[in-house]
């Protein structure tokens, strides 16, 4: 089970790096918002996997807080884009 969790951590970390590239190089603002939301999802996954690996339930609380903040941030960016303002 430890090997599977290590592989999962590695794959999610690589995927987070690819999302970071999209965040920095994204051709448009909506692409960057989606990449930022995806990074938030990856952080939730990393916290959950690590919590399972070390056997600490406190990482579930961390994952919930990050998920809520990511959701609120995505809604804020969506409203910002909807109003037609450009960075």
Protein backbone atom coordinates (compact mmCIF):
# COMPACT_ATOMS: atom_id res chain seq x y z
CA UNK A 1 0.00 0.00 0.00
CA UNK A 2 2.88 2.37 0.73
CA UNK A 3 4.24 1.97 -2.80
CA UNK A 4 0.84 2.78 -4.30
CA UNK A 5 0.54 5.90 -2.16
CA UNK A 6 4.04 7.00 -3.15
CA UNK A 7 3.19 6.54 -6.83
CA UNK A 8 -0.05 8.48 -6.34
CA UNK A 9 1.84 11.33 -4.64
CA UNK A 10 4.36 11.40 -7.47
CA UNK A 11 1.71 11.45 -10.20
CA UNK A 12 -0.35 14.17 -8.52
CA UNK A 13 2.81 16.24 -8.00
CA UNK A 14 3.73 15.92 -11.68
CA UNK A 15 0.19 16.86 -12.67
CA UNK A 16 0.35 19.89 -10.38
CA UNK A 17 3.56 20.97 -12.09
CA UNK A 18 1.89 20.72 -15.49
CA UNK A 19 -1.02 22.81 -14.23
CA UNK A 20 1.46 25.37 -12.94
CA UNK A 21 2.93 25.61 -16.45
CA UNK A 22 -0.58 26.21 -17.83
CA UNK A 23 -1.18 28.83 -15.15
CA UNK A 24 1.96 30.72 -16.13
CA UNK A 25 1.71 30.31 -19.91
CA UNK A 26 -2.06 30.12 -20.39
CA UNK A 27 -3.21 31.87 -23.54
CA UNK A 28 -6.24 33.45 -21.85
CA UNK A 29 -7.53 34.41 -18.43
CA UNK A 30 -10.17 31.62 -18.28
CA UNK A 31 -7.43 29.06 -18.99
CA UNK A 32 -5.44 30.41 -16.07
CA UNK A 33 -8.47 30.32 -13.78
CA UNK A 34 -9.14 26.68 -14.67
CA UNK A 35 -5.47 25.85 -14.06
CA UNK A 36 -5.58 27.57 -10.67
CA UNK A 37 -8.73 25.64 -9.74
CA UNK A 38 -7.07 22.41 -10.83
CA UNK A 39 -4.05 23.19 -8.65
CA UNK A 40 -6.43 23.60 -5.72
CA UNK A 41 -7.90 20.19 -6.47
CA UNK A 42 -4.41 18.71 -6.62
CA UNK A 43 -3.54 20.22 -3.24
CA UNK A 44 -6.65 18.58 -1.79
CA UNK A 45 -5.58 15.27 -3.32
CA UNK A 46 -2.03 15.62 -2.01
CA UNK A 47 -3.25 16.41 1.51
CA UNK A 48 -5.64 13.46 1.43
CA UNK A 49 -3.07 10.98 0.12
CA UNK A 50 -0.45 12.16 2.57
CA UNK A 51 -2.95 11.95 5.42
CA UNK A 52 -3.70 8.35 4.50
CA UNK A 53 0.00 7.59 4.26
CA UNK A 54 0.91 8.95 7.70
CA UNK A 55 -2.36 7.98 9.37
CA UNK A 56 -3.27 11.49 10.53
CA UNK A 57 -6.87 12.64 10.21
CA UNK A 58 -5.94 16.32 10.56
CA UNK A 59 -5.08 16.36 6.85
CA UNK A 60 -8.76 15.80 6.06
CA UNK A 61 -9.46 19.15 7.74
CA UNK A 62 -6.70 20.75 5.68
CA UNK A 63 -8.18 19.28 2.50
CA UNK A 64 -11.65 20.61 3.36
CA UNK A 65 -10.35 24.13 4.05
CA UNK A 66 -8.32 24.19 0.83
CA UNK A 67 -11.31 22.91 -1.16
CA UNK A 68 -13.56 25.64 0.25
CA UNK A 69 -11.01 28.39 -0.41
CA UNK A 70 -10.41 27.09 -3.93
CA UNK A 71 -14.15 27.06 -4.63
CA UNK A 72 -14.62 30.61 -3.34
CA UNK A 73 -11.63 31.80 -5.37
CA UNK A 74 -12.98 30.20 -8.53
CA UNK A 75 -16.37 31.82 -8.04
CA UNK A 76 -14.70 35.20 -7.49
CA UNK A 77 -12.61 34.86 -10.65
CA UNK A 78 -15.67 33.74 -12.63
CA UNK A 79 -17.61 36.81 -11.55
CA UNK A 80 -14.58 38.97 -12.38
CA UNK A 81 -14.36 37.50 -15.88
CA UNK A 82 -18.13 37.75 -16.36
CA UNK A 83 -18.02 41.50 -15.73
CA UNK A 84 -15.63 41.80 -18.67
CA UNK A 85 -12.69 43.25 -16.81
CA UNK A 86 -9.27 42.32 -18.10
CA UNK A 87 -6.10 42.05 -16.07
